[in-house]
Amino acid sequence: MLTAVALIVHVIEAQIPLPIPIPGAKLGIANTVTLFALFYGKQGNRYNVSLKAADAFMILICRIILGAMFTVSGIAFIYSLSGGMLGFAAQAALKRIVTNEQIWVCGAAGAMFHNIGQIIAAIFVTGTPSIAAYLPMLIIAGIITGIITGLAAQFTLKRI
C-alpha cells in the first residue's frame, strides 16, 4: 500500500513544474512515504506493526522502477536510482541516532545525498566532471525540500 501511495505522489509531482530556476530540482514529496516507512514502528505504535529498513528500501526501489515506467526516460531512471540509493543509505544510517522528533534531519540528509548520487551518475553518464559545479545549488535546494518532506513524515507519524 505504501508503494502505491509513493508511486501516485511521484507521478503527480512529476506533473508539477517548480517556480525555481534550478533545472531538475523537485520537491521529492514521494520520499515522505519512504521516511514514514523507515521510521514507522521505531518507537512503537498502537497497531503493533513495525517496518524494517529493508521494507522501506523495497518501497523506494519499487517506486523508482514503477515511476520510471510512468514518467521518465532511461537516463533519468539511472539518476533517480543512484540518488535514491545513496539518499536512503544516509537516512538509514541517521535513523539509528535521531528520534521521531528529528526525522526532518533525515529528510535533509537524504535529499543532499540524493543530489550527490545524481551528480555522480551524471558525471559517469556524460563523462563531464564539470557537472559537479552544479552540486552546491542542488544541495541547497535539497536541504530545503528535504526538511519539508522530513517534517511531513514526522507530522504524519505523530498523528498516527
N, C-alpha and C. Protein backbone atom coordinates (compact mmCIF):
# COMPACT_ATOMS: atom_id res chain seq x y z
N MET A 1 0.81 -1.18 0.00
CA MET A 1 0.00 0.00 0.00
C MET A 1 0.87 1.26 0.00
N LEU A 2 1.94 1.23 0.77
CA LEU A 2 2.82 2.40 0.81
C LEU A 2 3.52 2.63 -0.53
N THR A 3 3.85 1.56 -1.22
CA THR A 3 4.44 1.70 -2.56
C THR A 3 3.46 2.38 -3.50
N ALA A 4 2.20 2.00 -3.43
CA ALA A 4 1.18 2.61 -4.28
C ALA A 4 1.04 4.10 -3.97
N VAL A 5 1.02 4.45 -2.69
CA VAL A 5 0.93 5.86 -2.31
C VAL A 5 2.14 6.63 -2.82
N ALA A 6 3.34 6.07 -2.64
CA ALA A 6 4.56 6.74 -3.10
C ALA A 6 4.55 6.91 -4.61
N LEU A 7 4.07 5.90 -5.33
CA LEU A 7 4.02 5.98 -6.80
C LEU A 7 3.03 7.04 -7.26
N ILE A 8 1.87 7.08 -6.64
CA ILE A 8 0.87 8.09 -7.01
C ILE A 8 1.42 9.49 -6.76
N VAL A 9 2.03 9.70 -5.62
CA VAL A 9 2.61 11.01 -5.30
C VAL A 9 3.70 11.35 -6.30
N HIS A 10 4.54 10.37 -6.64
CA HIS A 10 5.63 10.58 -7.59
C HIS A 10 5.10 11.00 -8.96
N VAL A 11 4.07 10.30 -9.44
CA VAL A 11 3.51 10.60 -10.76
C VAL A 11 2.85 11.99 -10.77
N ILE A 12 2.13 12.32 -9.72
CA ILE A 12 1.50 13.64 -9.63
C ILE A 12 2.57 14.73 -9.55
N GLU A 13 3.59 14.50 -8.73
CA GLU A 13 4.64 15.50 -8.58
C GLU A 13 5.39 15.76 -9.88
N ALA A 14 5.54 14.75 -10.70
CA ALA A 14 6.24 14.90 -11.98
C ALA A 14 5.50 15.86 -12.91
N GLN A 15 4.21 16.08 -12.66
CA GLN A 15 3.41 16.98 -13.49
C GLN A 15 3.43 18.42 -13.00
N ILE A 16 4.04 18.66 -11.84
CA ILE A 16 4.03 20.00 -11.24
C ILE A 16 5.36 20.69 -11.50
N PRO A 17 5.37 21.74 -12.31
CA PRO A 17 6.62 22.48 -12.53
C PRO A 17 6.92 23.37 -11.32
N LEU A 18 8.17 23.39 -10.91
CA LEU A 18 8.56 24.24 -9.79
C LEU A 18 8.95 25.63 -10.29
N PRO A 19 8.57 26.65 -9.56
CA PRO A 19 8.90 28.02 -9.98
C PRO A 19 10.28 28.47 -9.51
N ILE A 20 11.26 27.57 -9.60
CA ILE A 20 12.63 27.94 -9.21
C ILE A 20 13.56 27.68 -10.38
N PRO A 21 14.61 28.49 -10.49
CA PRO A 21 15.49 28.40 -11.67
C PRO A 21 16.58 27.32 -11.57
N ILE A 22 16.27 26.19 -10.95
CA ILE A 22 17.24 25.11 -10.83
C ILE A 22 16.72 23.93 -11.63
N PRO A 23 17.27 23.69 -12.82
CA PRO A 23 16.78 22.58 -13.65
C PRO A 23 16.91 21.24 -12.94
N GLY A 24 15.87 20.46 -13.03
CA GLY A 24 15.89 19.13 -12.43
C GLY A 24 15.49 19.09 -10.97
N ALA A 25 15.41 20.24 -10.32
CA ALA A 25 15.03 20.27 -8.91
C ALA A 25 13.54 19.97 -8.76
N LYS A 26 13.21 19.19 -7.75
CA LYS A 26 11.81 18.93 -7.45
C LYS A 26 11.67 18.74 -5.95
N LEU A 27 10.45 18.73 -5.49
CA LEU A 27 10.22 18.65 -4.05
C LEU A 27 10.58 17.29 -3.45
N GLY A 28 10.42 16.23 -4.19
CA GLY A 28 10.72 14.90 -3.67
C GLY A 28 9.70 14.44 -2.64
N ILE A 29 8.44 14.82 -2.86
CA ILE A 29 7.39 14.52 -1.89
C ILE A 29 7.23 13.01 -1.69
N ALA A 30 7.49 12.21 -2.71
CA ALA A 30 7.36 10.76 -2.57
C ALA A 30 8.31 10.21 -1.51
N ASN A 31 9.38 10.94 -1.23
CA ASN A 31 10.31 10.50 -0.19
C ASN A 31 9.67 10.55 1.19
N THR A 32 8.60 11.31 1.34
CA THR A 32 7.86 11.34 2.60
C THR A 32 7.41 9.93 2.96
N VAL A 33 6.96 9.17 1.97
CA VAL A 33 6.49 7.81 2.20
C VAL A 33 7.66 6.91 2.62
N THR A 34 8.80 7.07 1.98
CA THR A 34 9.97 6.28 2.34
C THR A 34 10.40 6.58 3.77
N LEU A 35 10.44 7.85 4.13
CA LEU A 35 10.80 8.23 5.51
C LEU A 35 9.78 7.70 6.51
N PHE A 36 8.52 7.80 6.16
CA PHE A 36 7.47 7.27 7.03
C PHE A 36 7.72 5.79 7.28
N ALA A 37 7.95 5.02 6.20
CA ALA A 37 8.18 3.58 6.34
C ALA A 37 9.44 3.28 7.14
N LEU A 38 10.47 4.09 6.94
CA LEU A 38 11.73 3.87 7.65
C LEU A 38 11.56 4.05 9.15
N PHE A 39 10.75 5.01 9.55
CA PHE A 39 10.61 5.32 10.97
C PHE A 39 9.39 4.69 11.62
N TYR A 40 8.46 4.16 10.84
CA TYR A 40 7.25 3.60 11.42
C TYR A 40 7.60 2.40 12.29
N GLY A 41 7.22 2.46 13.52
CA GLY A 41 7.47 1.36 14.45
C GLY A 41 8.78 1.49 15.20
N LYS A 42 9.58 2.55 14.92
CA LYS A 42 10.86 2.69 15.60
C LYS A 42 10.68 2.78 17.11
N GLN A 43 9.66 3.54 17.52
CA GLN A 43 9.45 3.72 18.96
C GLN A 43 8.11 3.16 19.39
N GLY A 44 7.61 2.21 18.63
CA GLY A 44 6.35 1.56 18.98
C GLY A 44 5.15 2.30 18.43
N ASN A 45 4.09 1.59 18.22
CA ASN A 45 2.84 2.19 17.78
C ASN A 45 1.69 1.33 18.29
N ARG A 46 0.52 1.89 18.27
CA ARG A 46 -0.62 1.19 18.86
C ARG A 46 -1.08 -0.02 18.05
N TYR A 47 -0.66 -0.12 16.80
CA TYR A 47 -1.07 -1.25 15.96
C TYR A 47 -0.11 -2.42 16.06
N ASN A 48 0.95 -2.25 16.80
CA ASN A 48 1.94 -3.31 17.00
C ASN A 48 2.53 -3.78 15.67
N VAL A 49 2.70 -2.85 14.73
CA VAL A 49 3.27 -3.14 13.43
C VAL A 49 4.59 -2.40 13.33
N SER A 50 5.58 -3.07 12.81
CA SER A 50 6.88 -2.42 12.66
C SER A 50 7.43 -2.71 11.27
N LEU A 51 7.86 -1.67 10.61
CA LEU A 51 8.51 -1.84 9.32
C LEU A 51 10.02 -1.76 9.53
N LYS A 52 10.74 -2.53 8.80
CA LYS A 52 12.20 -2.53 8.89
C LYS A 52 12.78 -1.67 7.77
N ALA A 53 14.05 -1.37 7.88
CA ALA A 53 14.72 -0.58 6.84
C ALA A 53 14.61 -1.27 5.49
N ALA A 54 14.68 -2.60 5.48
CA ALA A 54 14.56 -3.34 4.23
C ALA A 54 13.20 -3.13 3.58
N ASP A 55 12.15 -3.01 4.39
CA ASP A 55 10.81 -2.74 3.86
C ASP A 55 10.77 -1.36 3.20
N ALA A 56 11.32 -0.38 3.89
CA ALA A 56 11.35 0.99 3.34
C ALA A 56 12.19 1.03 2.06
N PHE A 57 13.29 0.28 2.04
CA PHE A 57 14.15 0.24 0.85
C PHE A 57 13.39 -0.37 -0.34
N MET A 58 12.64 -1.42 -0.09
CA MET A 58 11.87 -2.04 -1.17
C MET A 58 10.77 -1.11 -1.70
N ILE A 59 10.17 -0.33 -0.80
CA ILE A 59 9.18 0.66 -1.23
C ILE A 59 9.85 1.67 -2.16
N LEU A 60 11.04 2.13 -1.77
CA LEU A 60 11.79 3.08 -2.58
C LEU A 60 12.13 2.50 -3.95
N ILE A 61 12.70 1.31 -3.98
CA ILE A 61 13.12 0.69 -5.24
C ILE A 61 11.91 0.43 -6.15
N CYS A 62 10.85 -0.09 -5.59
CA CYS A 62 9.64 -0.32 -6.40
C CYS A 62 9.09 0.98 -6.95
N ARG A 63 9.07 2.02 -6.13
CA ARG A 63 8.58 3.31 -6.59
C ARG A 63 9.45 3.87 -7.71
N ILE A 64 10.75 3.73 -7.60
CA ILE A 64 11.65 4.22 -8.64
C ILE A 64 11.45 3.46 -9.95
N ILE A 65 11.38 2.14 -9.87
CA ILE A 65 11.20 1.32 -11.07
C ILE A 65 9.84 1.59 -11.72
N LEU A 66 8.78 1.55 -10.92
CA LEU A 66 7.45 1.79 -11.47
C LEU A 66 7.29 3.24 -11.93
N GLY A 67 7.87 4.17 -11.17
CA GLY A 67 7.81 5.57 -11.56
C GLY A 67 8.51 5.83 -12.88
N ALA A 68 9.60 5.13 -13.12
CA ALA A 68 10.31 5.28 -14.39
C ALA A 68 9.45 4.81 -15.55
N MET A 69 8.66 3.79 -15.32
CA MET A 69 7.77 3.29 -16.38
C MET A 69 6.70 4.32 -16.74
N PHE A 70 6.27 5.10 -15.75
CA PHE A 70 5.18 6.04 -15.98
C PHE A 70 5.62 7.45 -16.33
N THR A 71 6.83 7.86 -15.92
CA THR A 71 7.15 9.29 -16.03
C THR A 71 8.46 9.66 -16.68
N VAL A 72 9.48 8.83 -16.65
CA VAL A 72 10.80 9.31 -17.06
C VAL A 72 11.47 8.41 -18.08
N SER A 73 12.57 8.94 -18.60
CA SER A 73 13.37 8.17 -19.56
C SER A 73 14.35 7.26 -18.84
N GLY A 74 15.07 6.45 -19.62
CA GLY A 74 16.05 5.53 -19.05
C GLY A 74 17.18 6.23 -18.32
N ILE A 75 17.64 7.34 -18.88
CA ILE A 75 18.74 8.07 -18.23
C ILE A 75 18.27 8.65 -16.90
N ALA A 76 17.08 9.22 -16.87
CA ALA A 76 16.55 9.77 -15.62
C ALA A 76 16.37 8.65 -14.59
N PHE A 77 16.07 7.43 -15.04
CA PHE A 77 15.96 6.29 -14.13
C PHE A 77 17.30 6.04 -13.45
N ILE A 78 18.38 6.12 -14.20
CA ILE A 78 19.72 5.92 -13.62
C ILE A 78 20.00 6.97 -12.56
N TYR A 79 19.66 8.22 -12.85
CA TYR A 79 19.87 9.30 -11.88
C TYR A 79 19.02 9.09 -10.63
N SER A 80 17.77 8.72 -10.85
CA SER A 80 16.85 8.51 -9.74
C SER A 80 17.29 7.35 -8.86
N LEU A 81 17.72 6.26 -9.50
CA LEU A 81 18.15 5.09 -8.75
C LEU A 81 19.42 5.36 -7.95
N SER A 82 20.41 5.99 -8.59
CA SER A 82 21.66 6.26 -7.87
C SER A 82 21.44 7.26 -6.74
N GLY A 83 20.65 8.28 -7.00
CA GLY A 83 20.35 9.26 -5.95
C GLY A 83 19.52 8.65 -4.84
N GLY A 84 18.53 7.86 -5.22
CA GLY A 84 17.67 7.24 -4.22
C GLY A 84 18.42 6.29 -3.30
N MET A 85 19.31 5.50 -3.88
CA MET A 85 20.06 4.55 -3.06
C MET A 85 21.02 5.25 -2.10
N LEU A 86 21.72 6.27 -2.59
CA LEU A 86 22.66 6.98 -1.72
C LEU A 86 21.90 7.76 -0.65
N GLY A 87 20.79 8.39 -1.04
CA GLY A 87 19.98 9.12 -0.08
C GLY A 87 19.40 8.20 0.99
N PHE A 88 18.93 7.04 0.57
CA PHE A 88 18.38 6.08 1.53
C PHE A 88 19.46 5.59 2.49
N ALA A 89 20.66 5.35 1.99
CA ALA A 89 21.75 4.90 2.86
C ALA A 89 22.02 5.93 3.95
N ALA A 90 22.01 7.20 3.59
CA ALA A 90 22.22 8.27 4.58
C ALA A 90 21.09 8.29 5.60
N GLN A 91 19.86 8.14 5.13
CA GLN A 91 18.72 8.16 6.04
C GLN A 91 18.72 6.95 6.97
N ALA A 92 19.03 5.78 6.45
CA ALA A 92 19.05 4.57 7.28
C ALA A 92 20.15 4.67 8.33
N ALA A 93 21.28 5.25 7.97
CA ALA A 93 22.36 5.43 8.95
C ALA A 93 21.95 6.41 10.05
N LEU A 94 21.31 7.50 9.66
CA LEU A 94 20.88 8.50 10.64
C LEU A 94 19.73 8.01 11.52
N LYS A 95 18.94 7.09 11.01
CA LYS A 95 17.81 6.57 11.78
C LYS A 95 18.26 6.04 13.13
N ARG A 96 19.45 5.53 13.19
CA ARG A 96 19.97 4.94 14.42
C ARG A 96 20.20 5.97 15.53
N ILE A 97 20.37 7.25 15.13
CA ILE A 97 20.71 8.25 16.15
C ILE A 97 19.69 9.37 16.33
N VAL A 98 18.72 9.45 15.43
CA VAL A 98 17.72 10.52 15.58
C VAL A 98 16.44 9.97 16.19
N THR A 99 15.67 10.86 16.78
CA THR A 99 14.39 10.49 17.37
C THR A 99 13.28 10.77 16.36
N ASN A 100 12.07 10.42 16.74
CA ASN A 100 10.93 10.70 15.86
C ASN A 100 10.62 12.20 15.79
N GLU A 101 11.26 13.00 16.62
CA GLU A 101 11.12 14.46 16.54
C GLU A 101 12.22 15.08 15.67
N GLN A 102 13.08 14.26 15.13
CA GLN A 102 14.19 14.77 14.31
C GLN A 102 14.21 14.12 12.91
N ILE A 103 13.08 13.64 12.47
CA ILE A 103 13.01 13.00 11.16
C ILE A 103 13.36 14.00 10.06
N TRP A 104 13.07 15.26 10.30
CA TRP A 104 13.40 16.29 9.31
C TRP A 104 14.89 16.32 9.00
N VAL A 105 15.72 15.94 9.98
CA VAL A 105 17.17 15.87 9.75
C VAL A 105 17.47 14.78 8.72
N CYS A 106 16.81 13.64 8.86
CA CYS A 106 16.98 12.56 7.88
C CYS A 106 16.50 12.98 6.51
N GLY A 107 15.42 13.74 6.47
CA GLY A 107 14.91 14.24 5.19
C GLY A 107 15.93 15.12 4.49
N ALA A 108 16.54 16.03 5.24
CA ALA A 108 17.54 16.93 4.67
C ALA A 108 18.78 16.16 4.22
N ALA A 109 19.26 15.25 5.06
CA ALA A 109 20.45 14.47 4.71
C ALA A 109 20.18 13.58 3.50
N GLY A 110 19.01 12.95 3.49
CA GLY A 110 18.67 12.09 2.36
C GLY A 110 18.62 12.86 1.06
N ALA A 111 18.05 14.06 1.10
CA ALA A 111 17.96 14.89 -0.12
C ALA A 111 19.35 15.32 -0.59
N MET A 112 20.20 15.68 0.36
CA MET A 112 21.57 16.08 -0.01
C MET A 112 22.30 14.92 -0.67
N PHE A 113 22.23 13.76 -0.07
CA PHE A 113 22.93 12.60 -0.63
C PHE A 113 22.28 12.12 -1.92
N HIS A 114 20.98 12.32 -2.04
CA HIS A 114 20.31 12.01 -3.29
C HIS A 114 20.91 12.86 -4.42
N ASN A 115 21.10 14.14 -4.16
CA ASN A 115 21.68 15.03 -5.16
C ASN A 115 23.13 14.65 -5.47
N ILE A 116 23.87 14.27 -4.46
CA ILE A 116 25.26 13.83 -4.68
C ILE A 116 25.27 12.59 -5.57
N GLY A 117 24.38 11.64 -5.28
CA GLY A 117 24.29 10.42 -6.10
C GLY A 117 23.92 10.73 -7.54
N GLN A 118 23.02 11.68 -7.74
CA GLN A 118 22.63 12.06 -9.10
C GLN A 118 23.80 12.70 -9.85
N ILE A 119 24.54 13.56 -9.17
CA ILE A 119 25.69 14.21 -9.83
C ILE A 119 26.75 13.18 -10.18
N ILE A 120 27.01 12.23 -9.29
CA ILE A 120 27.99 11.18 -9.58
C ILE A 120 27.54 10.39 -10.81
N ALA A 121 26.25 10.03 -10.85
CA ALA A 121 25.72 9.30 -12.02
C ALA A 121 25.85 10.14 -13.28
N ALA A 122 25.55 11.43 -13.18
CA ALA A 122 25.63 12.31 -14.35
C ALA A 122 27.07 12.42 -14.86
N ILE A 123 28.02 12.45 -13.96
CA ILE A 123 29.43 12.51 -14.36
C ILE A 123 29.81 11.24 -15.12
N PHE A 124 29.37 10.08 -14.61
CA PHE A 124 29.68 8.82 -15.29
C PHE A 124 28.97 8.71 -16.63
N VAL A 125 27.70 9.12 -16.68
CA VAL A 125 26.93 9.00 -17.91
C VAL A 125 27.46 9.95 -18.99
N THR A 126 27.74 11.18 -18.61
CA THR A 126 28.15 12.19 -19.60
C THR A 126 29.66 12.27 -19.79
N GLY A 127 30.42 11.79 -18.81
CA GLY A 127 31.87 11.93 -18.88
C GLY A 127 32.31 13.38 -18.69
N THR A 128 31.49 14.15 -18.00
CA THR A 128 31.76 15.58 -17.80
C THR A 128 31.87 15.90 -16.31
N PRO A 129 33.08 15.89 -15.76
CA PRO A 129 33.24 16.18 -14.33
C PRO A 129 32.82 17.59 -13.93
N SER A 130 32.79 18.51 -14.88
CA SER A 130 32.43 19.89 -14.54
C SER A 130 30.97 20.01 -14.10
N ILE A 131 30.17 18.96 -14.31
CA ILE A 131 28.79 18.96 -13.82
C ILE A 131 28.76 19.13 -12.30
N ALA A 132 29.82 18.74 -11.64
CA ALA A 132 29.89 18.85 -10.18
C ALA A 132 29.75 20.30 -9.71
N ALA A 133 30.01 21.26 -10.58
CA ALA A 133 29.85 22.67 -10.21
C ALA A 133 28.39 23.00 -9.91
N TYR A 134 27.50 22.20 -10.40
CA TYR A 134 26.06 22.37 -10.20
C TYR A 134 25.62 21.89 -8.81
N LEU A 135 26.47 21.11 -8.15
CA LEU A 135 26.12 20.47 -6.88
C LEU A 135 25.76 21.44 -5.76
N PRO A 136 26.48 22.55 -5.54
CA PRO A 136 26.08 23.44 -4.43
C PRO A 136 24.64 23.94 -4.53
N MET A 137 24.18 24.29 -5.73
CA MET A 137 22.79 24.73 -5.89
C MET A 137 21.82 23.60 -5.57
N LEU A 138 22.16 22.40 -6.04
CA LEU A 138 21.29 21.26 -5.77
C LEU A 138 21.24 20.91 -4.28
N ILE A 139 22.37 21.04 -3.61
CA ILE A 139 22.40 20.72 -2.18
C ILE A 139 21.55 21.71 -1.39
N ILE A 140 21.64 22.99 -1.72
CA ILE A 140 20.82 23.98 -1.03
C ILE A 140 19.34 23.69 -1.25
N ALA A 141 18.96 23.44 -2.50
CA ALA A 141 17.56 23.09 -2.80
C ALA A 141 17.17 21.80 -2.09
N GLY A 142 18.10 20.84 -2.06
CA GLY A 142 17.83 19.56 -1.41
C GLY A 142 17.61 19.69 0.09
N ILE A 143 18.39 20.53 0.73
CA ILE A 143 18.22 20.73 2.18
C ILE A 143 16.82 21.29 2.46
N ILE A 144 16.44 22.28 1.68
CA ILE A 144 15.12 22.90 1.90
C ILE A 144 14.00 21.90 1.65
N THR A 145 14.04 21.22 0.50
CA THR A 145 12.97 20.27 0.19
C THR A 145 13.02 19.06 1.12
N GLY A 146 14.22 18.65 1.51
CA GLY A 146 14.36 17.51 2.43
C GLY A 146 13.78 17.81 3.80
N ILE A 147 13.96 19.03 4.27
CA ILE A 147 13.35 19.41 5.55
C ILE A 147 11.83 19.34 5.44
N ILE A 148 11.30 19.81 4.31
CA ILE A 148 9.84 19.78 4.12
C ILE A 148 9.32 18.34 4.11
N THR A 149 9.96 17.46 3.35
CA THR A 149 9.49 16.07 3.30
C THR A 149 9.70 15.37 4.63
N GLY A 150 10.80 15.68 5.30
CA GLY A 150 11.06 15.10 6.62
C GLY A 150 10.02 15.53 7.64
N LEU A 151 9.66 16.80 7.61
CA LEU A 151 8.62 17.30 8.52
C LEU A 151 7.27 16.67 8.20
N ALA A 152 6.98 16.48 6.92
CA ALA A 152 5.72 15.84 6.54
C ALA A 152 5.64 14.42 7.10
N ALA A 153 6.73 13.66 6.97
CA ALA A 153 6.77 12.30 7.52
C ALA A 153 6.68 12.34 9.04
N GLN A 154 7.38 13.27 9.65
CA GLN A 154 7.40 13.40 11.10
C GLN A 154 6.01 13.72 11.64
N PHE A 155 5.31 14.66 11.02
CA PHE A 155 3.96 15.02 11.47
C PHE A 155 2.97 13.88 11.23
N THR A 156 3.14 13.16 10.12
CA THR A 156 2.27 12.03 9.84
C THR A 156 2.45 10.94 10.89
N LEU A 157 3.69 10.63 11.22
CA LEU A 157 3.95 9.61 12.24
C LEU A 157 3.39 10.03 13.59
N LYS A 158 3.48 11.30 13.89
CA LYS A 158 2.99 11.80 15.17
C LYS A 158 1.46 11.65 15.26
N ARG A 159 0.77 11.82 14.13
CA ARG A 159 -0.68 11.77 14.11
C ARG A 159 -1.21 10.33 14.12
N ILE A 160 -0.41 9.40 13.72
CA ILE A 160 -0.88 8.00 13.64
C ILE A 160 -0.66 7.31 14.96
